[in-house]
C-alpha atoms as a PDB file:
ATOM      1  CA  MET A   1       9.492  58.030  22.592  1.00  0.00           C
ATOM      2  CA  LEU A   2      12.991  57.715  23.568  1.00  0.00           C
ATOM      3  CA  SER A   3      13.566  61.386  23.076  1.00  0.00           C
ATOM      4  CA  PHE A   4      10.319  62.091  25.080  1.00  0.00           C
ATOM      5  CA  PHE A   5      11.978  60.075  28.136  1.00  0.00           C
ATOM      6  CA  ARG A   6      15.256  61.581  27.453  1.00  0.00           C
ATOM      7  CA  LYS A   7      13.668  65.004  27.916  1.00  0.00           C
ATOM      8  CA  ILE A   8      12.264  64.158  31.305  1.00  0.00           C
ATOM      9  CA  ARG A   9      15.683  62.703  32.608  1.00  0.00           C
ATOM     10  CA  GLN A  10      17.406  65.705  31.883  1.00  0.00           C
ATOM     11  CA  SER A  11      14.907  67.914  33.293  1.00  0.00           C
ATOM     12  CA  LEU A  12      14.870  65.765  36.654  1.00  0.00           C
ATOM     13  CA  LEU A  13      18.922  65.935  36.568  1.00  0.00           C
ATOM     14  CA  SER A  14      18.830  69.427  36.134  1.00  0.00           C
ATOM     15  CA  GLU A  15      16.190  70.192  39.115  1.00  0.00           C
ATOM     16  CA  ASN A  16      18.938  68.345  41.555  1.00  0.00           C
ATOM     17  CA  SER A  17      15.575  66.264  42.232  1.00  0.00           C
ATOM     18  CA  PHE A  18      17.850  62.811  42.995  1.00  0.00           C
ATOM     19  CA  SER A  19      14.563  61.323  44.379  1.00  0.00           C
ATOM     20  CA  ARG A  20      12.336  61.907  41.742  1.00  0.00           C
ATOM     21  CA  TYR A  21      14.954  60.790  39.266  1.00  0.00           C
ATOM     22  CA  LEU A  22      15.023  57.400  40.900  1.00  0.00           C
ATOM     23  CA  LEU A  23      11.689  56.958  40.825  1.00  0.00           C
ATOM     24  CA  TYR A  24      11.476  57.913  37.282  1.00  0.00           C
ATOM     25  CA  ALA A  25      14.590  55.644  36.625  1.00  0.00           C
ATOM     26  CA  LEU A  26      12.738  52.663  38.160  1.00  0.00           C
ATOM     27  CA  GLY A  27       9.870  53.903  36.418  1.00  0.00           C
ATOM     28  CA  GLU A  28      12.019  53.053  33.100  1.00  0.00           C
ATOM     29  CA  ILE A  29      12.880  49.836  34.059  1.00  0.00           C
ATOM     30  CA  ILE A  30       9.676  48.402  35.267  1.00  0.00           C
ATOM     31  CA  LEU A  31       8.669  49.659  31.574  1.00  0.00           C
ATOM     32  CA  VAL A  32      11.022  47.764  30.124  1.00  0.00           C
ATOM     33  CA  VAL A  33      10.914  44.474  32.019  1.00  0.00           C
ATOM     34  CA  ILE A  34       6.950  44.791  30.935  1.00  0.00           C
ATOM     35  CA  GLY A  35       8.051  45.107  27.641  1.00  0.00           C
ATOM     36  CA  ILE A  36      10.271  42.210  27.302  1.00  0.00           C
ATOM     37  CA  LEU A  37       7.657  40.065  29.448  1.00  0.00           C
ATOM     38  CA  LEU A  38       5.027  41.123  27.011  1.00  0.00           C
ATOM     39  CA  ALA A  39       7.633  39.992  24.101  1.00  0.00           C
ATOM     40  CA  LEU A  40       8.018  36.563  25.672  1.00  0.00           C
ATOM     41  CA  GLN A  41       4.572  35.945  26.121  1.00  0.00           C
ATOM     42  CA  ILE A  42       3.858  36.848  22.614  1.00  0.00           C
ATOM     43  CA  ASN A  43       6.435  34.713  21.421  1.00  0.00           C
ATOM     44  CA  ASN A  44       5.072  31.729  23.402  1.00  0.00           C
ATOM     45  CA  TRP A  45       1.694  32.261  22.202  1.00  0.00           C
ATOM     46  CA  ASN A  46       2.633  32.296  18.821  1.00  0.00           C
ATOM     47  CA  GLU A  47       4.766  29.051  19.684  1.00  0.00           C
ATOM     48  CA  VAL A  48       1.954  27.402  20.955  1.00  0.00           C
ATOM     49  CA  LYS A  49      -0.192  28.300  18.052  1.00  0.00           C
ATOM     50  CA  LYS A  50       2.430  26.758  15.651  1.00  0.00           C
ATOM     51  CA  ILE A  51       2.687  23.589  17.547  1.00  0.00           C
ATOM     52  CA  GLU A  52      -1.272  23.110  17.175  1.00  0.00           C
ATOM     53  CA  GLU A  53      -1.288  23.958  13.624  1.00  0.00           C
ATOM     54  CA  ASN A  54       1.646  21.271  13.211  1.00  0.00           C
ATOM     55  CA  LYS A  55      -0.555  18.962  15.391  1.00  0.00           C
ATOM     56  CA  ARG A  56      -3.522  19.546  13.230  1.00  0.00           C
ATOM     57  CA  LYS A  57      -1.680  18.997  10.135  1.00  0.00           C
ATOM     58  CA  THR A  58       0.080  15.710  11.110  1.00  0.00           C
ATOM     59  CA  LEU A  59      -3.114  14.359  12.712  1.00  0.00           C
ATOM     60  CA  ALA A  60      -4.842  15.096   9.264  1.00  0.00           C
ATOM     61  CA  LEU A  61      -2.159  13.507   7.211  1.00  0.00           C
ATOM     62  CA  ILE A  62      -2.090  10.438   9.416  1.00  0.00           C
ATOM     63  CA  LYS A  63      -5.861  10.061   9.446  1.00  0.00           C
ATOM     64  CA  LYS A  64      -5.916  10.292   5.584  1.00  0.00           C
ATOM     65  CA  GLU A  65      -3.429   7.349   5.763  1.00  0.00           C
ATOM     66  CA  LEU A  66      -5.101   5.279   7.749  1.00  0.00           C
ATOM     67  CA  LEU A  67      -8.194   5.504   6.089  1.00  0.00           C
ATOM     68  CA  SER A  68      -6.802   4.528   2.580  1.00  0.00           C
ATOM     69  CA  ASN A  69      -4.617   1.751   4.239  1.00  0.00           C
ATOM     70  CA  GLN A  70      -8.241   0.460   6.198  1.00  0.00           C
ATOM     71  CA  LYS A  71      -9.654   0.692   2.580  1.00  0.00           C
ATOM     72  CA  SER A  72      -6.825  -1.288   1.177  1.00  0.00           C
ATOM     73  CA  VAL A  73      -8.087  -4.093   4.039  1.00  0.00           C
ATOM     74  CA  ASP A  74     -11.448  -3.561   3.352  1.00  0.00           C
ATOM     75  CA  ASN A  75     -11.413  -4.360  -0.443  1.00  0.00           C
ATOM     76  CA  VAL A  76      -9.768  -7.756   0.452  1.00  0.00           C
ATOM     77  CA  PHE A  77     -11.253  -8.845   3.678  1.00  0.00           C
ATOM     78  CA  GLU A  78     -14.158 -10.985   2.046  1.00  0.00           C
ATOM     79  CA  TYR A  79     -12.352 -12.041  -0.713  1.00  0.00           C
ATOM     80  CA  HIS A  80      -9.745 -13.975   1.404  1.00  0.00           C
ATOM     81  CA  ILE A  81     -12.330 -15.058   3.950  1.00  0.00           C
ATOM     82  CA  MET A  82     -13.888 -16.792   0.936  1.00  0.00           C
ATOM     83  CA  VAL A  83     -10.705 -18.434  -0.562  1.00  0.00           C
ATOM     84  CA  ARG A  84     -10.184 -19.549   2.992  1.00  0.00           C
ATOM     85  CA  ASP A  85     -13.479 -21.234   3.198  1.00  0.00           C
ATOM     86  CA  THR A  86     -13.545 -22.654  -0.230  1.00  0.00           C
ATOM     87  CA  LEU A  87      -9.938 -24.284   0.365  1.00  0.00           C
ATOM     88  CA  GLN A  88     -11.264 -25.921   3.387  1.00  0.00           C
ATOM     89  CA  LYS A  89     -14.240 -27.811   1.163  1.00  0.00           C
ATOM     90  CA  LEU A  90     -11.515 -28.746  -1.820  1.00  0.00           C
ATOM     91  CA  LYS A  91     -11.310 -32.380  -2.876  1.00  0.00           C
ATOM     92  CA  ILE A  92      -8.378 -33.299  -4.411  1.00  0.00           C
ATOM     93  CA  PRO A  93      -8.401 -33.206  -8.081  1.00  0.00           C
ATOM     94  CA  GLU A  94      -7.401 -36.169 -10.300  1.00  0.00           C
ATOM     95  CA  THR A  95      -6.904 -34.142 -13.513  1.00  0.00           C
ATOM     96  CA  GLU A  96      -5.756 -30.800 -14.666  1.00  0.00           C
ATOM     97  CA  ASP A  97      -9.245 -29.936 -15.925  1.00  0.00           C
ATOM     98  CA  GLU A  98     -10.397 -30.483 -12.446  1.00  0.00           C
ATOM     99  CA  VAL A  99      -7.674 -28.411 -10.992  1.00  0.00           C
ATOM    100  CA  LYS A 100      -8.658 -25.512 -13.065  1.00  0.00           C
ATOM    101  CA  ALA A 101     -12.215 -26.060 -12.422  1.00  0.00           C
ATOM    102  CA  GLN A 102     -11.836 -26.311  -8.646  1.00  0.00           C
ATOM    103  CA  MET A 103      -9.663 -23.343  -8.675  1.00  0.00           C
ATOM    104  CA  SER A 104     -11.492 -20.859 -10.830  1.00  0.00           C
ATOM    105  CA  PHE A 105     -12.220 -18.813  -7.784  1.00  0.00           C
ATOM    106  CA  TRP A 106      -8.676 -17.977  -6.970  1.00  0.00           C
ATOM    107  CA  ARG A 107      -7.450 -14.354  -8.052  1.00  0.00           C
ATOM    108  CA  GLY A 108      -4.130 -14.499  -6.493  1.00  0.00           C
ATOM    109  CA  LEU A 109      -3.111 -12.711  -3.094  1.00  0.00           C
ATOM    110  CA  ARG A 110      -4.608  -9.273  -3.203  1.00  0.00           C
ATOM    111  CA  ILE A 111      -2.475  -7.913  -0.614  1.00  0.00           C
ATOM    112  CA  PHE A 112      -1.861  -4.056  -0.967  1.00  0.00           C
ATOM    113  CA  ARG A 113       1.174  -2.930   0.760  1.00  0.00           C
ATOM    114  CA  LEU A 114      -0.029  -0.594   3.587  1.00  0.00           C
ATOM    115  CA  ARG A 115       1.779   2.858   3.832  1.00  0.00           C
ATOM    116  CA  ASP A 116       3.484   4.518   6.922  1.00  0.00           C
ATOM    117  CA  ALA A 117       4.941   7.520   5.254  1.00  0.00           C
ATOM    118  CA  ALA A 118       2.673  10.271   7.047  1.00  0.00           C
ATOM    119  CA  PHE A 119       3.685   8.723  10.425  1.00  0.00           C
ATOM    120  CA  GLN A 120       7.306   8.093   9.584  1.00  0.00           C
ATOM    121  CA  THR A 121       7.503  11.513   8.488  1.00  0.00           C
ATOM    122  CA  ALA A 122       6.191  12.846  11.930  1.00  0.00           C
ATOM    123  CA  VAL A 123       8.353  10.581  13.881  1.00  0.00           C
ATOM    124  CA  GLN A 124      11.357  11.796  12.362  1.00  0.00           C
ATOM    125  CA  ALA A 125      10.133  15.736  12.337  1.00  0.00           C
ATOM    126  CA  GLY A 126       9.675  15.066  15.995  1.00  0.00           C
ATOM    127  CA  THR A 127       6.205  16.225  15.840  1.00  0.00           C
ATOM    128  CA  THR A 128       4.855  13.192  17.608  1.00  0.00           C
ATOM    129  CA  LYS A 129       6.110  14.280  20.813  1.00  0.00           C
ATOM    130  CA  ASP A 130       3.365  17.079  21.042  1.00  0.00           C
ATOM    131  CA  LEU A 131       0.719  14.525  20.190  1.00  0.00           C
ATOM    132  CA  ASN A 132      -1.303  12.675  22.703  1.00  0.00           C
ATOM    133  CA  VAL A 133       0.829   9.772  24.370  1.00  0.00           C
ATOM    134  CA  ASP A 134      -2.010   7.344  24.298  1.00  0.00           C
ATOM    135  CA  LEU A 135      -2.680   8.061  20.660  1.00  0.00           C
ATOM    136  CA  VAL A 136       1.186   7.736  19.811  1.00  0.00           C
ATOM    137  CA  GLU A 137       1.007   4.185  21.688  1.00  0.00           C
ATOM    138  CA  GLU A 138      -1.621   2.791  19.671  1.00  0.00           C
ATOM    139  CA  LEU A 139      -0.204   4.302  16.396  1.00  0.00           C
ATOM    140  CA  ASN A 140       2.783   2.482  17.249  1.00  0.00           C
ATOM    141  CA  ALA A 141       1.458  -0.513  17.722  1.00  0.00           C
ATOM    142  CA  LEU A 142      -0.627  -0.171  14.853  1.00  0.00           C
ATOM    143  CA  TYR A 143       2.093   0.787  12.475  1.00  0.00           C
ATOM    144  CA  THR A 144       4.097  -2.411  13.710  1.00  0.00           C
ATOM    145  CA  SER A 145       1.187  -4.650  13.037  1.00  0.00           C
ATOM    146  CA  GLN A 146       1.112  -2.716   9.455  1.00  0.00           C
ATOM    147  CA  GLU A 147       4.995  -3.626   8.808  1.00  0.00           C
ATOM    148  CA  ALA A 148       4.601  -7.246   9.980  1.00  0.00           C
ATOM    149  CA  TYR A 149       1.443  -7.641   7.571  1.00  0.00           C
ATOM    150  CA  ASN A 150       3.358  -6.195   4.334  1.00  0.00           C
ATOM    151  CA  ASN A 151       6.185  -8.457   5.171  1.00  0.00           C
ATOM    152  CA  PHE A 152       4.007 -11.613   5.539  1.00  0.00           C
ATOM    153  CA  GLY A 153       2.149 -10.352   2.243  1.00  0.00           C
ATOM    154  CA  ALA A 154       5.716 -10.210   0.464  1.00  0.00           C
ATOM    155  CA  THR A 155       6.909 -13.376   1.633  1.00  0.00           C
ATOM    156  CA  ALA A 156       3.748 -15.109   0.974  1.00  0.00           C
ATOM    157  CA  SER A 157       3.433 -13.864  -2.849  1.00  0.00           C
ATOM    158  CA  SER A 158       6.974 -14.385  -3.419  1.00  0.00           C
ATOM    159  CA  THR A 159       6.292 -18.090  -2.282  1.00  0.00           C
ATOM    160  CA  LEU A 160       2.736 -18.762  -4.093  1.00  0.00           C
ATOM    161  CA  TYR A 161       4.306 -17.076  -7.020  1.00  0.00           C
ATOM    162  CA  GLN A 162       6.788 -20.050  -7.798  1.00  0.00           C
ATOM    163  CA  LYS A 163       4.046 -22.458  -7.275  1.00  0.00           C
ATOM    164  CA  ASP A 164       2.498 -24.496  -9.903  1.00  0.00           C
ATOM    165  CA  PHE A 165      -1.190 -25.400  -9.018  1.00  0.00           C
ATOM    166  CA  SER A 166      -1.419 -27.546 -12.000  1.00  0.00           C
ATOM    167  CA  ASP A 167       1.001 -30.055 -10.628  1.00  0.00           C
ATOM    168  CA  ILE A 168      -1.730 -32.609  -9.133  1.00  0.00           C
ATOM    169  CA  LYS A 169       0.637 -34.605  -6.840  1.00  0.00           C
ATOM    170  CA  ASN A 170       1.773 -31.250  -5.050  1.00  0.00           C
ATOM    171  CA  PHE A 171      -1.735 -29.691  -5.075  1.00  0.00           C
ATOM    172  CA  LYS A 172      -2.774 -30.951  -1.805  1.00  0.00           C
ATOM    173  CA  LYS A 173       0.338 -29.492  -0.046  1.00  0.00           C
ATOM    174  CA  LEU A 174      -0.276 -26.208  -2.246  1.00  0.00           C
ATOM    175  CA  ALA A 175      -3.961 -25.910  -1.033  1.00  0.00           C
ATOM    176  CA  ILE A 176      -2.886 -26.594   2.470  1.00  0.00           C
ATOM    177  CA  PHE A 177      -0.315 -24.242   2.486  1.00  0.00           C
ATOM    178  CA  LEU A 178      -2.352 -21.735   0.678  1.00  0.00           C
ATOM    179  CA  ASN A 179      -5.272 -22.193   3.244  1.00  0.00           C
ATOM    180  CA  MET A 180      -2.707 -21.539   6.255  1.00  0.00           C
ATOM    181  CA  VAL A 181      -1.653 -18.157   4.346  1.00  0.00           C
ATOM    182  CA  MET A 182      -5.490 -17.468   4.278  1.00  0.00           C
ATOM    183  CA  VAL A 183      -5.868 -17.973   7.805  1.00  0.00           C
ATOM    184  CA  ASP A 184      -3.143 -15.944   9.256  1.00  0.00           C
ATOM    185  CA  LEU A 185      -4.239 -13.322   6.765  1.00  0.00           C
ATOM    186  CA  TYR A 186      -7.404 -13.453   8.258  1.00  0.00           C
ATOM    187  CA  TYR A 187      -6.121 -12.852  11.951  1.00  0.00           C
ATOM    188  CA  PHE A 188      -3.695 -10.192  10.738  1.00  0.00           C
ATOM    189  CA  GLU A 189      -6.488  -8.098   8.769  1.00  0.00           C
ATOM    190  CA  SER A 190      -9.072  -8.624  11.395  1.00  0.00           C
ATOM    191  CA  GLU A 191      -6.772  -7.057  13.937  1.00  0.00           C
ATOM    192  CA  LEU A 192      -5.712  -4.187  11.554  1.00  0.00           C
ATOM    193  CA  LYS A 193      -9.641  -3.236  11.027  1.00  0.00           C
ATOM    194  CA  ALA A 194      -9.820  -3.035  14.472  1.00  0.00           C
ATOM    195  CA  ASP A 195      -7.101  -1.063  15.213  1.00  0.00           C
ATOM    196  CA  PHE A 196      -8.036   1.627  12.221  1.00  0.00           C
ATOM    197  CA  GLU A 197     -11.019   1.900  14.054  1.00  0.00           C
ATOM    198  CA  THR A 198      -9.659   2.622  17.203  1.00  0.00           C
ATOM    199  CA  CYS A 199      -6.553   4.817  16.291  1.00  0.00           C
ATOM    200  CA  LEU A 200      -9.372   6.870  13.845  1.00  0.00           C
ATOM    201  CA  LYS A 201     -11.879   7.439  16.787  1.00  0.00           C
ATOM    202  CA  LYS A 202      -8.703   8.398  19.041  1.00  0.00           C
ATOM    203  CA  ILE A 203      -7.783  10.846  16.331  1.00  0.00           C
ATOM    204  CA  ASP A 204     -11.206  12.516  15.540  1.00  0.00           C
ATOM    205  CA  SER A 205     -11.820  12.702  19.672  1.00  0.00           C
ATOM    206  CA  ILE A 206      -8.458  15.010  19.754  1.00  0.00           C
ATOM    207  CA  SER A 207      -9.311  16.935  16.859  1.00  0.00           C
ATOM    208  CA  GLU A 208     -12.924  18.107  17.768  1.00  0.00           C
END
C-alpha cells in the first residue's frame, strides 16, 4: 500500500503537476487523520467495554457479598427477638437450678462477622468511581452500618463471655445487660435488613 502511494507521488512530481500533487498530499493527510481518528475511536470503544465489564464483575461480587451478609443476619434475627422477649418475662431465680431452667433458651450471641472484602477491593481499585453515584452512597452507608454492627457484636460477645449467669446475686444485672444488648441488636439488624434490600434492588435495576 505504501509503495502504491509512493509511485503515485513520484508520478505527479515527474509530471510537474504541482496543483495535482498538492491535492494528492492533502488527500494523504486526510487519510492519515481519518486513520488516527478511527484508531482513537476503537481504543475508546475498547476502554468503555473494559470499564463496563469491570462494573459488571464488581456489581456481581458486591451482590454476592451482600446476599451472604443478608443471609447471616436473617439466620439470627428471629432468635435474637426471641431472646429479647423471653428476657423481659424472666423472674429472678433463687437457686442455680432455677437459673438453668430459666436460661435454657439461651444459645449465646449468634452474631456472624459481616464481610466487606468485595466492596473494599472495589474502593481500593478505584472501580466505585464508575458505579452509579446513588448506589455508591447507599453502599457506603450500608458498609458503615455493617462495621458498627461487627464492632458491637465483638464487644458484646467479649463482655458476655466473662459473665457467669449462675451467679444468682448478679443475675438481675446480667439479665438487664443482656436485654439491652438484644434491643440494640434488634435495631441494628432491622436497619441492616432494610439496607440490604435497598442496595440489592438498586444493583439489580442497574444490572438489567
